[in-house]
N, C-alpha and C. Protein backbone atom coordinates (compact mmCIF):
# COMPACT_ATOMS: atom_id res chain seq x y z
N MET A 1 -22.33 12.96 46.76
CA MET A 1 -22.31 12.31 45.49
C MET A 1 -21.16 11.23 45.44
N VAL A 2 -21.38 10.21 44.73
CA VAL A 2 -20.35 9.17 44.60
C VAL A 2 -20.07 9.08 43.10
N ALA A 3 -18.72 9.06 42.86
CA ALA A 3 -18.24 8.86 41.44
C ALA A 3 -17.29 7.67 41.49
N ASP A 4 -17.69 6.50 40.83
CA ASP A 4 -16.76 5.42 40.84
C ASP A 4 -17.34 4.46 39.66
N ASP A 5 -16.38 3.87 38.95
CA ASP A 5 -16.81 3.02 37.84
C ASP A 5 -17.28 1.56 38.23
N SER A 6 -17.03 1.27 39.49
CA SER A 6 -17.46 -0.06 40.00
C SER A 6 -18.86 0.10 40.66
N ASP A 7 -19.77 -0.79 40.18
CA ASP A 7 -21.11 -0.77 40.84
C ASP A 7 -20.88 -1.32 42.24
N ALA A 8 -20.07 -2.17 42.54
CA ALA A 8 -19.90 -2.71 43.85
C ALA A 8 -19.45 -1.56 44.84
N ILE A 9 -18.44 -0.79 44.46
CA ILE A 9 -17.91 0.17 45.25
C ILE A 9 -18.89 1.26 45.45
N ARG A 10 -19.60 1.72 44.42
CA ARG A 10 -20.70 2.70 44.61
C ARG A 10 -21.68 2.21 45.64
N GLN A 11 -22.11 1.00 45.48
CA GLN A 11 -23.03 0.42 46.50
C GLN A 11 -22.47 0.39 47.91
N VAL A 12 -21.22 0.08 48.18
CA VAL A 12 -20.66 0.05 49.43
C VAL A 12 -20.69 1.49 50.02
N LEU A 13 -20.33 2.48 49.21
CA LEU A 13 -20.15 3.87 49.58
C LEU A 13 -21.61 4.46 49.99
N GLU A 14 -22.56 3.97 49.08
CA GLU A 14 -24.02 4.43 49.38
C GLU A 14 -24.41 3.85 50.70
N ASP A 15 -24.07 2.61 51.02
CA ASP A 15 -24.34 1.97 52.32
C ASP A 15 -23.72 2.73 53.47
N ILE A 16 -22.41 3.09 53.35
CA ILE A 16 -21.66 3.85 54.31
C ILE A 16 -22.43 5.19 54.61
N LEU A 17 -22.66 5.88 53.52
CA LEU A 17 -23.43 7.11 53.59
C LEU A 17 -24.76 7.03 54.35
N SER A 18 -25.50 5.96 54.06
CA SER A 18 -26.73 5.62 54.61
C SER A 18 -26.55 5.42 56.32
N ILE A 19 -25.51 4.73 56.55
CA ILE A 19 -25.17 4.39 58.02
C ILE A 19 -24.89 5.74 58.75
N GLY A 20 -24.15 6.55 58.06
CA GLY A 20 -23.80 7.84 58.63
C GLY A 20 -24.97 8.86 58.60
N HIS A 21 -26.15 8.56 58.05
CA HIS A 21 -27.20 9.38 57.86
C HIS A 21 -26.99 10.56 56.98
N HIS A 22 -26.25 10.29 55.88
CA HIS A 22 -25.96 11.07 54.84
C HIS A 22 -26.89 10.76 53.58
N GLU A 23 -27.40 11.80 52.78
CA GLU A 23 -28.23 11.53 51.66
C GLU A 23 -27.35 11.42 50.43
N LEU A 24 -27.54 10.35 49.60
CA LEU A 24 -26.83 10.27 48.29
C LEU A 24 -27.51 11.24 47.46
N ALA A 25 -26.77 12.21 46.79
CA ALA A 25 -27.38 13.21 45.88
C ALA A 25 -27.24 12.74 44.42
N GLY A 26 -26.35 11.77 44.15
CA GLY A 26 -26.13 11.40 42.77
C GLY A 26 -25.09 10.42 42.64
N GLU A 27 -24.95 9.89 41.44
CA GLU A 27 -23.83 8.84 41.09
C GLU A 27 -23.27 9.15 39.82
N ALA A 28 -22.04 8.82 39.62
CA ALA A 28 -21.31 8.91 38.30
C ALA A 28 -20.60 7.60 38.17
N ILE A 29 -20.35 7.22 36.75
CA ILE A 29 -19.74 6.01 36.49
C ILE A 29 -18.35 6.31 35.79
N ASP A 30 -18.16 7.49 35.37
CA ASP A 30 -16.80 7.96 34.81
C ASP A 30 -16.61 9.45 35.06
N GLY A 31 -15.38 9.83 34.72
CA GLY A 31 -14.93 11.14 34.97
C GLY A 31 -15.67 12.29 34.39
N ASN A 32 -16.08 12.08 33.13
CA ASN A 32 -16.89 13.03 32.40
C ASN A 32 -18.32 13.25 33.13
N GLU A 33 -18.88 12.10 33.57
CA GLU A 33 -20.24 12.16 34.18
C GLU A 33 -19.98 12.77 35.63
N ALA A 34 -18.86 12.55 36.24
CA ALA A 34 -18.68 13.12 37.61
C ALA A 34 -18.70 14.71 37.50
N VAL A 35 -17.96 15.25 36.40
CA VAL A 35 -17.99 16.70 36.33
C VAL A 35 -19.37 17.26 35.99
N GLU A 36 -19.98 16.61 35.06
CA GLU A 36 -21.25 16.91 34.52
C GLU A 36 -22.35 16.96 35.64
N LYS A 37 -22.38 15.87 36.46
CA LYS A 37 -23.37 15.76 37.57
C LYS A 37 -23.01 16.68 38.71
N PHE A 38 -21.77 16.89 38.88
CA PHE A 38 -21.32 17.77 40.00
C PHE A 38 -21.78 19.09 39.73
N ASN A 39 -21.70 19.59 38.42
CA ASN A 39 -22.17 20.93 37.92
C ASN A 39 -23.74 21.07 38.10
N GLN A 40 -24.46 19.91 37.82
CA GLN A 40 -25.93 19.96 37.90
C GLN A 40 -26.31 20.00 39.54
N ILE A 41 -25.74 19.15 40.29
CA ILE A 41 -26.27 18.79 41.54
C ILE A 41 -25.62 19.81 42.56
N GLN A 42 -24.26 20.10 42.35
CA GLN A 42 -23.51 20.90 43.31
C GLN A 42 -23.62 20.25 44.72
N PRO A 43 -23.14 19.05 44.90
CA PRO A 43 -23.46 18.33 46.25
C PRO A 43 -22.42 18.88 47.27
N ASP A 44 -22.82 18.60 48.56
CA ASP A 44 -21.99 19.04 49.67
C ASP A 44 -20.68 18.25 49.67
N LEU A 45 -20.59 17.15 49.11
CA LEU A 45 -19.45 16.33 49.17
C LEU A 45 -19.32 15.43 47.97
N LEU A 46 -18.16 15.20 47.40
CA LEU A 46 -18.00 14.20 46.24
C LEU A 46 -17.06 13.15 46.80
N LEU A 47 -17.46 11.97 46.73
CA LEU A 47 -16.62 10.87 46.94
C LEU A 47 -16.06 10.32 45.50
N LEU A 48 -14.79 10.60 45.22
CA LEU A 48 -14.33 10.55 43.85
C LEU A 48 -13.23 9.27 43.59
N ASP A 49 -13.44 8.33 42.91
CA ASP A 49 -12.46 7.37 42.51
C ASP A 49 -11.36 7.96 41.74
N LEU A 50 -10.13 7.61 42.07
CA LEU A 50 -8.97 8.31 41.50
C LEU A 50 -8.82 7.72 40.09
N ALA A 51 -9.06 6.42 39.81
CA ALA A 51 -8.84 5.75 38.60
C ALA A 51 -10.17 5.51 37.92
N MET A 52 -10.51 6.38 36.96
CA MET A 52 -11.87 6.18 36.38
C MET A 52 -11.77 6.28 34.78
N PRO A 53 -12.67 5.72 34.06
CA PRO A 53 -12.56 5.95 32.59
C PRO A 53 -12.92 7.37 32.23
N LYS A 54 -12.49 7.77 30.95
CA LYS A 54 -12.85 9.07 30.32
C LYS A 54 -12.11 10.23 30.99
N LYS A 55 -12.09 10.34 32.21
CA LYS A 55 -11.25 11.33 32.96
C LYS A 55 -10.85 10.83 34.23
N ASP A 56 -9.49 11.00 34.58
CA ASP A 56 -8.99 10.39 35.82
C ASP A 56 -9.45 11.41 37.00
N GLY A 57 -9.20 10.92 38.18
CA GLY A 57 -9.57 11.82 39.33
C GLY A 57 -8.88 13.04 39.43
N LEU A 58 -7.69 13.11 39.14
CA LEU A 58 -6.92 14.36 39.09
C LEU A 58 -7.53 15.40 38.16
N THR A 59 -7.87 15.06 36.99
CA THR A 59 -8.48 16.03 36.15
C THR A 59 -9.88 16.42 36.51
N VAL A 60 -10.64 15.45 37.19
CA VAL A 60 -11.97 15.84 37.65
C VAL A 60 -11.77 16.84 38.70
N VAL A 61 -10.89 16.67 39.80
CA VAL A 61 -10.47 17.61 40.70
C VAL A 61 -10.26 18.90 40.19
N LYS A 62 -9.34 19.00 39.37
CA LYS A 62 -8.95 20.23 38.75
C LYS A 62 -10.07 20.98 38.11
N GLU A 63 -10.98 20.32 37.26
CA GLU A 63 -11.97 20.95 36.58
C GLU A 63 -13.06 21.42 37.63
N ILE A 64 -13.42 20.65 38.54
CA ILE A 64 -14.42 21.19 39.53
C ILE A 64 -13.90 22.25 40.39
N MET A 65 -12.66 22.19 40.91
CA MET A 65 -12.12 23.21 41.68
C MET A 65 -12.00 24.55 40.92
N GLU A 66 -11.91 24.53 39.58
CA GLU A 66 -11.82 25.68 38.85
C GLU A 66 -13.02 26.44 38.91
N PHE A 67 -14.14 25.92 39.04
CA PHE A 67 -15.48 26.60 39.09
C PHE A 67 -16.16 26.65 40.42
N TYR A 68 -15.66 25.66 41.32
CA TYR A 68 -16.19 25.48 42.65
C TYR A 68 -15.08 25.39 43.70
N PRO A 69 -14.30 26.42 43.95
CA PRO A 69 -13.14 26.26 44.77
C PRO A 69 -13.51 25.83 46.26
N GLU A 70 -14.75 25.92 46.52
CA GLU A 70 -15.06 25.48 47.87
C GLU A 70 -15.65 24.04 47.89
N ALA A 71 -15.62 23.39 46.93
CA ALA A 71 -15.96 22.03 46.76
C ALA A 71 -15.25 21.13 47.85
N LYS A 72 -15.93 20.17 48.21
CA LYS A 72 -15.32 19.11 49.24
C LYS A 72 -15.29 17.90 48.53
N ILE A 73 -14.08 17.38 48.20
CA ILE A 73 -13.81 16.02 47.42
C ILE A 73 -13.01 15.16 48.31
N ILE A 74 -13.41 14.01 48.42
CA ILE A 74 -12.59 12.91 49.06
C ILE A 74 -12.25 11.90 47.94
N LEU A 75 -11.01 11.78 47.90
CA LEU A 75 -10.47 10.65 46.84
C LEU A 75 -10.63 9.28 47.38
N ILE A 76 -11.01 8.39 46.46
CA ILE A 76 -11.13 7.07 46.77
C ILE A 76 -9.99 6.24 45.97
N THR A 77 -9.13 5.64 46.60
CA THR A 77 -8.11 4.98 45.83
C THR A 77 -7.55 3.68 46.27
N ALA A 78 -7.21 2.83 45.34
CA ALA A 78 -6.61 1.57 45.63
C ALA A 78 -5.16 1.64 45.55
N THR A 79 -4.67 2.76 45.06
CA THR A 79 -3.25 2.93 45.02
C THR A 79 -2.47 3.43 46.07
N ASP A 80 -1.23 3.14 46.25
CA ASP A 80 -0.46 3.86 47.22
C ASP A 80 0.49 4.75 46.75
N ASN A 81 0.28 5.27 45.44
CA ASN A 81 1.10 6.23 44.85
C ASN A 81 0.81 7.52 45.45
N GLN A 82 1.71 7.95 46.36
CA GLN A 82 1.61 9.17 47.11
C GLN A 82 1.75 10.36 46.24
N SER A 83 2.49 10.27 45.15
CA SER A 83 2.68 11.37 44.25
C SER A 83 1.33 11.86 43.57
N ILE A 84 0.57 10.98 43.05
CA ILE A 84 -0.62 11.28 42.53
C ILE A 84 -1.67 11.77 43.54
N ILE A 85 -1.66 11.12 44.67
CA ILE A 85 -2.61 11.45 45.74
C ILE A 85 -2.23 12.99 46.17
N LYS A 86 -0.89 13.25 46.29
CA LYS A 86 -0.48 14.62 46.62
C LYS A 86 -0.93 15.68 45.62
N GLN A 87 -0.78 15.29 44.37
CA GLN A 87 -1.17 16.18 43.22
C GLN A 87 -2.69 16.51 43.40
N CYS A 88 -3.49 15.48 43.72
CA CYS A 88 -5.05 15.75 43.86
C CYS A 88 -5.15 16.54 45.02
N LEU A 89 -4.50 16.34 46.16
CA LEU A 89 -4.72 17.23 47.31
C LEU A 89 -4.20 18.77 47.06
N ASP A 90 -3.16 18.73 46.38
CA ASP A 90 -2.69 20.13 45.98
C ASP A 90 -3.64 20.77 45.02
N ALA A 91 -4.36 20.12 44.30
CA ALA A 91 -5.30 20.62 43.32
C ALA A 91 -6.65 21.01 43.92
N GLY A 92 -6.82 20.54 45.27
CA GLY A 92 -7.99 21.02 45.97
C GLY A 92 -8.81 19.91 46.59
N ALA A 93 -8.41 18.58 46.35
CA ALA A 93 -9.13 17.48 47.07
C ALA A 93 -8.92 17.75 48.63
N SER A 94 -10.01 17.48 49.23
CA SER A 94 -9.92 17.60 50.63
C SER A 94 -9.17 16.49 51.52
N ALA A 95 -9.33 15.25 51.05
CA ALA A 95 -8.75 14.12 51.81
C ALA A 95 -8.84 12.90 50.86
N SER A 96 -8.22 11.80 51.37
CA SER A 96 -8.16 10.59 50.47
C SER A 96 -8.40 9.49 51.49
N ILE A 97 -9.07 8.36 50.97
CA ILE A 97 -9.33 7.16 51.76
C ILE A 97 -8.95 5.97 50.80
N SER A 98 -8.49 4.90 51.40
CA SER A 98 -8.01 3.81 50.58
C SER A 98 -9.01 2.60 50.64
N LYS A 99 -8.96 1.98 49.54
CA LYS A 99 -9.74 0.70 49.40
C LYS A 99 -8.75 -0.35 49.97
N PRO A 100 -9.09 -1.48 50.52
CA PRO A 100 -10.63 -1.66 50.96
C PRO A 100 -10.85 -0.73 52.10
N PHE A 101 -12.38 -0.50 52.32
CA PHE A 101 -12.76 0.53 53.20
C PHE A 101 -12.81 0.11 54.73
N ASN A 102 -12.58 0.89 55.50
CA ASN A 102 -12.86 0.71 56.94
C ASN A 102 -13.98 1.73 57.26
N PHE A 103 -15.21 1.15 57.43
CA PHE A 103 -16.38 1.94 57.54
C PHE A 103 -16.30 3.18 58.49
N ASP A 104 -15.75 2.85 59.63
CA ASP A 104 -15.59 3.94 60.75
C ASP A 104 -14.66 4.97 60.29
N LYS A 105 -13.51 4.57 59.57
CA LYS A 105 -12.59 5.51 59.14
C LYS A 105 -13.22 6.43 57.94
N VAL A 106 -13.99 5.81 57.10
CA VAL A 106 -14.61 6.51 55.99
C VAL A 106 -15.64 7.57 56.53
N LEU A 107 -16.40 7.10 57.46
CA LEU A 107 -17.33 8.02 58.13
C LEU A 107 -16.76 9.12 58.79
N LYS A 108 -15.54 9.01 59.53
CA LYS A 108 -14.88 10.03 60.17
C LYS A 108 -14.26 10.96 59.16
N VAL A 109 -13.74 10.48 58.03
CA VAL A 109 -13.22 11.34 56.95
C VAL A 109 -14.28 12.33 56.46
N ILE A 110 -15.42 11.62 56.16
CA ILE A 110 -16.66 12.35 55.70
C ILE A 110 -17.00 13.40 56.60
N SER A 111 -17.26 13.07 57.99
CA SER A 111 -17.56 14.03 58.94
C SER A 111 -16.71 15.25 58.98
N ASP A 112 -15.37 14.77 59.08
CA ASP A 112 -14.32 15.75 59.23
C ASP A 112 -14.35 16.73 58.00
N THR A 113 -14.42 16.26 56.88
CA THR A 113 -14.51 16.95 55.61
C THR A 113 -15.65 17.99 55.57
N LEU A 114 -16.87 17.50 56.00
CA LEU A 114 -18.06 18.29 55.95
C LEU A 114 -17.95 19.37 56.91
N THR A 115 -17.21 19.32 58.00
CA THR A 115 -17.08 20.35 58.89
C THR A 115 -15.95 21.42 58.62
N LEU A 116 -15.19 21.21 57.52
CA LEU A 116 -14.13 22.11 57.17
C LEU A 116 -14.69 23.44 56.81
């Protein structure tokens, strides 16, 4: 599942997932929708933008991990704010990747996360 408020970023991530032979289970355009759709779909993996409308990535991670402590969440971020990234990882996110994307690195992080 991909949660990002940018249509372009969602499309790029969908393309990367397709290249890696992963199926896109759903999309969300804001934090509220990310939590709602995660609850409905319970995907194997959530690619989650850190900065989204309605609920930020940290809040989404905390809410999902409360009910699904085994959830695999990879943060997508354009920030280099290590403090907020660390908070998300401490809250249960599995990994983070930075924008702009390196396709090979994204696929490796996805593969590594799915095998945890």
